PDB file of N, CA and C in Angstrom:
ATOM      1  N   UNK A   1      -9.285   6.221  -8.136  1.00  0.00           N
ATOM      2  CA  UNK A   1      -8.042   5.560  -7.817  1.00  0.00           C
ATOM      3  C   UNK A   1      -7.965   5.244  -6.328  1.00  0.00           C
ATOM      4  N   UNK A   2      -8.404   6.159  -5.488  1.00  0.00           N
ATOM      5  CA  UNK A   2      -8.358   5.926  -4.045  1.00  0.00           C
ATOM      6  C   UNK A   2      -9.140   4.680  -3.674  1.00  0.00           C
ATOM      7  N   UNK A   3     -10.322   4.499  -4.257  1.00  0.00           N
ATOM      8  CA  UNK A   3     -11.138   3.335  -3.943  1.00  0.00           C
ATOM      9  C   UNK A   3     -10.441   2.047  -4.366  1.00  0.00           C
ATOM     10  N   UNK A   4      -9.789   2.062  -5.505  1.00  0.00           N
ATOM     11  CA  UNK A   4      -9.077   0.875  -5.976  1.00  0.00           C
ATOM     12  C   UNK A   4      -7.925   0.542  -5.043  1.00  0.00           C
ATOM     13  N   UNK A   5      -7.177   1.558  -4.643  1.00  0.00           N
ATOM     14  CA  UNK A   5      -6.071   1.327  -3.722  1.00  0.00           C
ATOM     15  C   UNK A   5      -6.577   0.731  -2.415  1.00  0.00           C
ATOM     16  N   UNK A   6      -7.618   1.310  -1.862  1.00  0.00           N
ATOM     17  CA  UNK A   6      -8.126   0.828  -0.585  1.00  0.00           C
ATOM     18  C   UNK A   6      -8.697  -0.574  -0.682  1.00  0.00           C
ATOM     19  N   UNK A   7      -9.249  -0.910  -1.809  1.00  0.00           N
ATOM     20  CA  UNK A   7      -9.828  -2.239  -1.980  1.00  0.00           C
ATOM     21  C   UNK A   7      -8.757  -3.313  -2.191  1.00  0.00           C
ATOM     22  N   UNK A   8      -7.598  -2.918  -2.713  1.00  0.00           N
ATOM     23  CA  UNK A   8      -6.624  -3.914  -3.130  1.00  0.00           C
ATOM     24  C   UNK A   8      -5.333  -3.950  -2.310  1.00  0.00           C
ATOM     25  N   UNK A   9      -5.026  -2.890  -1.601  1.00  0.00           N
ATOM     26  CA  UNK A   9      -3.717  -2.799  -0.957  1.00  0.00           C
ATOM     27  C   UNK A   9      -3.644  -3.587   0.351  1.00  0.00           C
ATOM     28  N   UNK A  10      -2.633  -4.434   0.452  1.00  0.00           N
ATOM     29  CA  UNK A  10      -2.422  -5.192   1.686  1.00  0.00           C
ATOM     30  C   UNK A  10      -2.061  -4.265   2.839  1.00  0.00           C
ATOM     31  N   UNK A  11      -1.355  -3.181   2.548  1.00  0.00           N
ATOM     32  CA  UNK A  11      -0.939  -2.236   3.585  1.00  0.00           C
ATOM     33  C   UNK A  11      -2.148  -1.658   4.324  1.00  0.00           C
ATOM     34  N   UNK A  12      -3.236  -1.466   3.608  1.00  0.00           N
ATOM     35  CA  UNK A  12      -4.447  -0.924   4.230  1.00  0.00           C
ATOM     36  C   UNK A  12      -4.970  -1.894   5.285  1.00  0.00           C
ATOM     37  N   UNK A  13      -4.991  -3.167   4.945  1.00  0.00           N
ATOM     38  CA  UNK A  13      -5.436  -4.175   5.918  1.00  0.00           C
ATOM     39  C   UNK A  13      -4.425  -4.334   7.045  1.00  0.00           C
ATOM     40  N   UNK A  14      -3.159  -4.408   6.704  1.00  0.00           N
ATOM     41  CA  UNK A  14      -2.116  -4.623   7.705  1.00  0.00           C
ATOM     42  C   UNK A  14      -2.038  -3.482   8.712  1.00  0.00           C
ATOM     43  N   UNK A  15      -2.151  -2.241   8.240  1.00  0.00           N
ATOM     44  CA  UNK A  15      -2.036  -1.069   9.115  1.00  0.00           C
ATOM     45  C   UNK A  15      -3.379  -0.580   9.632  1.00  0.00           C
ATOM     46  N   UNK A  16      -4.472  -1.280   9.259  1.00  0.00           N
ATOM     47  CA  UNK A  16      -5.821  -0.929   9.693  1.00  0.00           C
ATOM     48  C   UNK A  16      -6.145   0.546   9.401  1.00  0.00           C
ATOM     49  N   UNK A  17      -5.951   0.932   8.154  1.00  0.00           N
ATOM     50  CA  UNK A  17      -6.153   2.321   7.729  1.00  0.00           C
ATOM     51  C   UNK A  17      -7.646   2.617   7.604  1.00  0.00           C
ATOM     52  N   UNK A  18      -8.088   3.707   8.225  1.00  0.00           N
ATOM     53  CA  UNK A  18      -9.476   4.174   8.138  1.00  0.00           C
ATOM     54  C   UNK A  18      -9.497   5.698   8.053  1.00  0.00           C
ATOM     55  N   UNK A  19     -10.434   6.231   7.305  1.00  0.00           N
ATOM     56  CA  UNK A  19     -10.644   7.678   7.258  1.00  0.00           C
ATOM     57  C   UNK A  19      -9.508   8.465   6.644  1.00  0.00           C
ATOM     58  N   UNK A  20      -8.802   7.882   5.702  1.00  0.00           N
ATOM     59  CA  UNK A  20      -7.685   8.574   5.065  1.00  0.00           C
ATOM     60  C   UNK A  20      -7.974   8.762   3.580  1.00  0.00           C
ATOM     61  N   UNK A  21      -7.318   9.764   2.999  1.00  0.00           N
ATOM     62  CA  UNK A  21      -7.444  10.021   1.568  1.00  0.00           C
ATOM     63  C   UNK A  21      -6.077   9.802   0.942  1.00  0.00           C
ATOM     64  N   UNK A  22      -6.043   9.054  -0.134  1.00  0.00           N
ATOM     65  CA  UNK A  22      -4.792   8.780  -0.830  1.00  0.00           C
ATOM     66  C   UNK A  22      -4.870   9.372  -2.232  1.00  0.00           C
ATOM     67  N   UNK A  23      -3.891  10.203  -2.571  1.00  0.00           N
ATOM     68  CA  UNK A  23      -3.838  10.831  -3.891  1.00  0.00           C
ATOM     69  C   UNK A  23      -2.851  10.072  -4.773  1.00  0.00           C
ATOM     70  N   UNK A  24      -3.249   9.801  -6.009  1.00  0.00           N
ATOM     71  CA  UNK A  24      -2.334   9.109  -6.918  1.00  0.00           C
ATOM     72  C   UNK A  24      -1.162  10.016  -7.307  1.00  0.00           C
ATOM     73  N   UNK A  25       0.009   9.443  -7.405  1.00  0.00           N
ATOM     74  CA  UNK A  25       1.213  10.172  -7.816  1.00  0.00           C
ATOM     75  C   UNK A  25       1.751   9.523  -9.076  1.00  0.00           C
ATOM     76  N   UNK A  26       2.332  10.336  -9.940  1.00  0.00           N
ATOM     77  CA  UNK A  26       2.880   9.822 -11.191  1.00  0.00           C
ATOM     78  C   UNK A  26       4.393   9.939 -11.181  1.00  0.00           C
ATOM     79  N   UNK A  27       5.020   9.125 -11.987  1.00  0.00           N
ATOM     80  CA  UNK A  27       6.472   9.177 -12.153  1.00  0.00           C
ATOM     81  C   UNK A  27       6.853  10.170 -13.245  1.00  0.00           C
ATOM     82  N   UNK A  28       8.124  10.168 -13.612  1.00  0.00           N
ATOM     83  CA  UNK A  28       8.631  11.086 -14.630  1.00  0.00           C
ATOM     84  C   UNK A  28       7.924  10.905 -15.970  1.00  0.00           C
ATOM     85  N   UNK A  29       7.408   9.676 -16.218  1.00  0.00           N
ATOM     86  CA  UNK A  29       6.756   9.398 -17.497  1.00  0.00           C
ATOM     87  C   UNK A  29       5.244   9.647 -17.443  1.00  0.00           C
ATOM     88  N   UNK A  30       4.784  10.264 -16.364  1.00  0.00           N
ATOM     89  CA  UNK A  30       3.380  10.639 -16.154  1.00  0.00           C
ATOM     90  C   UNK A  30       2.462   9.421 -16.037  1.00  0.00           C
ATOM     91  N   UNK A  31       3.002   8.272 -15.715  1.00  0.00           N
ATOM     92  CA  UNK A  31       2.211   7.078 -15.445  1.00  0.00           C
ATOM     93  C   UNK A  31       2.092   6.911 -13.940  1.00  0.00           C
ATOM     94  N   UNK A  32       1.028   6.258 -13.522  1.00  0.00           N
ATOM     95  CA  UNK A  32       0.806   6.032 -12.096  1.00  0.00           C
ATOM     96  C   UNK A  32       2.018   5.336 -11.485  1.00  0.00           C
ATOM     97  N   UNK A  33       2.489   5.872 -10.358  1.00  0.00           N
ATOM     98  CA  UNK A  33       3.636   5.284  -9.676  1.00  0.00           C
ATOM     99  C   UNK A  33       3.229   4.707  -8.315  1.00  0.00           C
ATOM    100  N   UNK A  34       2.487   5.477  -7.555  1.00  0.00           N
ATOM    101  CA  UNK A  34       2.054   5.048  -6.230  1.00  0.00           C
ATOM    102  C   UNK A  34       1.007   6.045  -5.711  1.00  0.00           C
ATOM    103  N   UNK A  35       0.485   5.783  -4.550  1.00  0.00           N
ATOM    104  CA  UNK A  35      -0.444   6.712  -3.911  1.00  0.00           C
ATOM    105  C   UNK A  35       0.144   7.156  -2.585  1.00  0.00           C
ATOM    106  N   UNK A  36      -0.106   8.417  -2.254  1.00  0.00           N
ATOM    107  CA  UNK A  36       0.391   8.991  -1.021  1.00  0.00           C
ATOM    108  C   UNK A  36      -0.777   9.442  -0.166  1.00  0.00           C
ATOM    109  N   UNK A  37      -0.672   9.204   1.136  1.00  0.00           N
ATOM    110  CA  UNK A  37      -1.711   9.691   2.036  1.00  0.00           C
ATOM    111  C   UNK A  37      -1.626  11.209   2.107  1.00  0.00           C
ATOM    112  N   UNK A  38      -2.785  11.864   2.029  1.00  0.00           N
ATOM    113  CA  UNK A  38      -2.854  13.316   2.023  1.00  0.00           C
ATOM    114  C   UNK A  38      -3.701  13.766   3.202  1.00  0.00           C
ATOM    115  N   UNK A  39      -3.194  14.742   3.949  1.00  0.00           N
ATOM    116  CA  UNK A  39      -3.976  15.335   5.035  1.00  0.00           C
ATOM    117  C   UNK A  39      -4.787  16.480   4.440  1.00  0.00           C
ATOM    118  N   UNK A  40      -6.097  16.333   4.432  1.00  0.00           N
ATOM    119  CA  UNK A  40      -6.962  17.341   3.826  1.00  0.00           C
ATOM    120  C   UNK A  40      -7.272  18.497   4.770  1.00  0.00           C
ATOM    121  N   UNK A  41      -6.798  18.424   5.983  1.00  0.00           N
ATOM    122  CA  UNK A  41      -6.976  19.522   6.917  1.00  0.00           C
ATOM    123  C   UNK A  41      -8.166  19.321   7.842  1.00  0.00           C
ATOM    124  N   UNK A  42      -8.274  20.242   8.755  1.00  0.00           N
ATOM    125  CA  UNK A  42      -9.300  20.159   9.793  1.00  0.00           C
ATOM    126  C   UNK A  42     -10.717  20.190   9.211  1.00  0.00           C
ATOM    127  N   UNK A  43     -10.934  20.957   8.150  1.00  0.00           N
ATOM    128  CA  UNK A  43     -12.283  21.073   7.577  1.00  0.00           C
ATOM    129  C   UNK A  43     -12.802  19.720   7.088  1.00  0.00           C
ATOM    130  N   UNK A  44     -11.887  18.853   6.683  1.00  0.00           N
ATOM    131  CA  UNK A  44     -12.297  17.539   6.166  1.00  0.00           C
ATOM    132  C   UNK A  44     -12.732  16.599   7.287  1.00  0.00           C
ATOM    133  N   UNK A  45     -12.385  16.923   8.526  1.00  0.00           N
ATOM    134  CA  UNK A  45     -12.755  16.092   9.671  1.00  0.00           C
ATOM    135  C   UNK A  45     -13.904  16.691  10.474  1.00  0.00           C
ATOM    136  N   UNK A  46     -14.474  17.771  10.012  1.00  0.00           N
ATOM    137  CA  UNK A  46     -15.522  18.484  10.736  1.00  0.00           C
ATOM    138  C   UNK A  46     -16.863  17.764  10.622  1.00  0.00           C
ATOM    139  N   UNK A  47     -17.403  17.333  11.749  1.00  0.00           N
ATOM    140  CA  UNK A  47     -18.724  16.691  11.768  1.00  0.00           C
ATOM    141  C   UNK A  47     -19.800  17.677  11.301  1.00  0.00           C
ATOM    142  N   UNK A  48     -19.649  18.924  11.671  1.00  0.00           N
ATOM    143  CA  UNK A  48     -20.617  19.960  11.278  1.00  0.00           C
ATOM    144  C   UNK A  48     -20.634  20.143   9.759  1.00  0.00           C
ATOM    145  N   UNK A  49     -19.448  20.221   9.163  1.00  0.00           N
ATOM    146  CA  UNK A  49     -19.364  20.364   7.706  1.00  0.00           C
ATOM    147  C   UNK A  49     -19.870  19.117   6.996  1.00  0.00           C
ATOM    148  N   UNK A  50     -19.595  17.935   7.558  1.00  0.00           N
ATOM    149  CA  UNK A  50     -20.078  16.682   6.967  1.00  0.00           C
ATOM    150  C   UNK A  50     -21.600  16.651   6.959  1.00  0.00           C
ATOM    151  N   UNK A  51     -22.202  17.078   8.053  1.00  0.00           N
ATOM    152  CA  UNK A  51     -23.666  17.101   8.133  1.00  0.00           C
ATOM    153  C   UNK A  51     -24.248  18.103   7.137  1.00  0.00           C
ATOM    154  N   UNK A  52     -23.623  19.282   7.040  1.00  0.00           N
ATOM    155  CA  UNK A  52     -24.098  20.294   6.095  1.00  0.00           C
ATOM    156  C   UNK A  52     -23.997  19.791   4.657  1.00  0.00           C
ATOM    157  N   UNK A  53     -22.885  19.117   4.327  1.00  0.00           N
ATOM    158  CA  UNK A  53     -22.727  18.568   2.980  1.00  0.00           C
ATOM    159  C   UNK A  53     -23.762  17.489   2.709  1.00  0.00           C
ATOM    160  N   UNK A  54     -24.018  16.621   3.684  1.00  0.00           N
ATOM    161  CA  UNK A  54     -25.013  15.557   3.531  1.00  0.00           C
ATOM    162  C   UNK A  54     -26.391  16.158   3.264  1.00  0.00           C
ATOM    163  N   UNK A  55     -26.774  17.146   4.049  1.00  0.00           N
ATOM    164  CA  UNK A  55     -28.094  17.775   3.884  1.00  0.00           C
ATOM    165  C   UNK A  55     -28.195  18.487   2.539  1.00  0.00           C
ATOM    166  N   UNK A  56     -27.130  19.166   2.130  1.00  0.00           N
ATOM    167  CA  UNK A  56     -27.123  19.850   0.834  1.00  0.00           C
ATOM    168  C   UNK A  56     -27.284  18.834  -0.289  1.00  0.00           C
ATOM    169  N   UNK A  57     -26.549  17.704  -0.194  1.00  0.00           N
ATOM    170  CA  UNK A  57     -26.616  16.653  -1.207  1.00  0.00           C
ATOM    171  C   UNK A  57     -28.009  16.037  -1.263  1.00  0.00           C
ATOM    172  N   UNK A  58     -28.585  15.731  -0.096  1.00  0.00           N
ATOM    173  CA  UNK A  58     -29.942  15.182  -0.067  1.00  0.00           C
ATOM    174  C   UNK A  58     -30.944  16.131  -0.711  1.00  0.00           C
ATOM    175  N   UNK A  59     -30.779  17.421  -0.461  1.00  0.00           N
ATOM    176  CA  UNK A  59     -31.667  18.416  -1.060  1.00  0.00           C
ATOM    177  C   UNK A  59     -31.620  18.369  -2.579  1.00  0.00           C
ATOM    178  N   UNK A  60     -30.420  18.271  -3.142  1.00  0.00           N
ATOM    179  CA  UNK A  60     -30.288  18.208  -4.597  1.00  0.00           C
ATOM    180  C   UNK A  60     -30.823  16.896  -5.159  1.00  0.00           C
ATOM    181  N   UNK A  61     -30.556  15.801  -4.468  1.00  0.00           N
ATOM    182  CA  UNK A  61     -31.068  14.514  -4.948  1.00  0.00           C
ATOM    183  C   UNK A  61     -32.590  14.522  -4.915  1.00  0.00           C
ATOM    184  N   UNK A  62     -33.172  15.051  -3.850  1.00  0.00           N
ATOM    185  CA  UNK A  62     -34.628  15.179  -3.776  1.00  0.00           C
ATOM    186  C   UNK A  62     -35.167  16.025  -4.922  1.00  0.00           C
ATOM    187  N   UNK A  63     -34.455  17.110  -5.226  1.00  0.00           N
ATOM    188  CA  UNK A  63     -34.893  18.019  -6.289  1.00  0.00           C
ATOM    189  C   UNK A  63     -34.848  17.331  -7.656  1.00  0.00           C
ATOM    190  N   UNK A  64     -33.810  16.555  -7.901  1.00  0.00           N
ATOM    191  CA  UNK A  64     -33.624  15.910  -9.198  1.00  0.00           C
ATOM    192  C   UNK A  64     -34.493  14.661  -9.345  1.00  0.00           C
ATOM    193  N   UNK A  65     -34.508  13.807  -8.336  1.00  0.00           N
ATOM    194  CA  UNK A  65     -35.222  12.535  -8.422  1.00  0.00           C
ATOM    195  C   UNK A  65     -36.636  12.581  -7.844  1.00  0.00           C
ATOM    196  N   UNK A  66     -36.915  13.604  -7.074  1.00  0.00           N
ATOM    197  CA  UNK A  66     -38.208  13.686  -6.413  1.00  0.00           C
ATOM    198  C   UNK A  66     -38.095  13.145  -5.000  1.00  0.00           C
ATOM    199  N   UNK A  67     -38.629  13.865  -4.085  1.00  0.00           N
ATOM    200  CA  UNK A  67     -38.534  13.502  -2.669  1.00  0.00           C
ATOM    201  C   UNK A  67     -39.081  12.093  -2.436  1.00  0.00           C
ATOM    202  N   UNK A  68     -38.292  11.264  -1.759  1.00  0.00           N
ATOM    203  CA  UNK A  68     -38.734   9.906  -1.441  1.00  0.00           C
ATOM    204  C   UNK A  68     -38.531   8.898  -2.544  1.00  0.00           C
ATOM    205  N   UNK A  69     -37.975   9.302  -3.692  1.00  0.00           N
ATOM    206  CA  UNK A  69     -37.803   8.378  -4.827  1.00  0.00           C
ATOM    207  C   UNK A  69     -36.433   7.749  -4.903  1.00  0.00           C
ATOM    208  N   UNK A  70     -35.620   7.911  -3.899  1.00  0.00           N
ATOM    209  CA  UNK A  70     -34.252   7.399  -3.995  1.00  0.00           C
ATOM    210  C   UNK A  70     -33.790   6.621  -2.771  1.00  0.00           C
ATOM    211  N   UNK A  71     -34.640   6.402  -1.824  1.00  0.00           N
ATOM    212  CA  UNK A  71     -34.262   5.611  -0.654  1.00  0.00           C
ATOM    213  C   UNK A  71     -33.560   6.388   0.430  1.00  0.00           C
ATOM    214  N   UNK A  72     -33.583   7.706   0.369  1.00  0.00           N
ATOM    215  CA  UNK A  72     -32.921   8.521   1.368  1.00  0.00           C
ATOM    216  C   UNK A  72     -33.724   8.711   2.637  1.00  0.00           C
ATOM    217  N   UNK A  73     -34.950   8.246   2.660  1.00  0.00           N
ATOM    218  CA  UNK A  73     -35.786   8.437   3.854  1.00  0.00           C
ATOM    219  C   UNK A  73     -36.249   7.114   4.383  1.00  0.00           C
TER     220      UNK A  73
END
């Protein structure tokens, strides 16, 4: 849902939104009503944690697809 909102919302272009996470919200009838910007906290902005997650992910992709078979290098 976040990707759809960012791809389609005029507000994103108008306000030049970058690096934000939007969570879908539902109304009383449990249908999508709107999306709200959510602050995920300091850990979500950590360059160190981002690098660790990237390396962990690459390790698993290498393990599953075989090193060098996925364009990661």
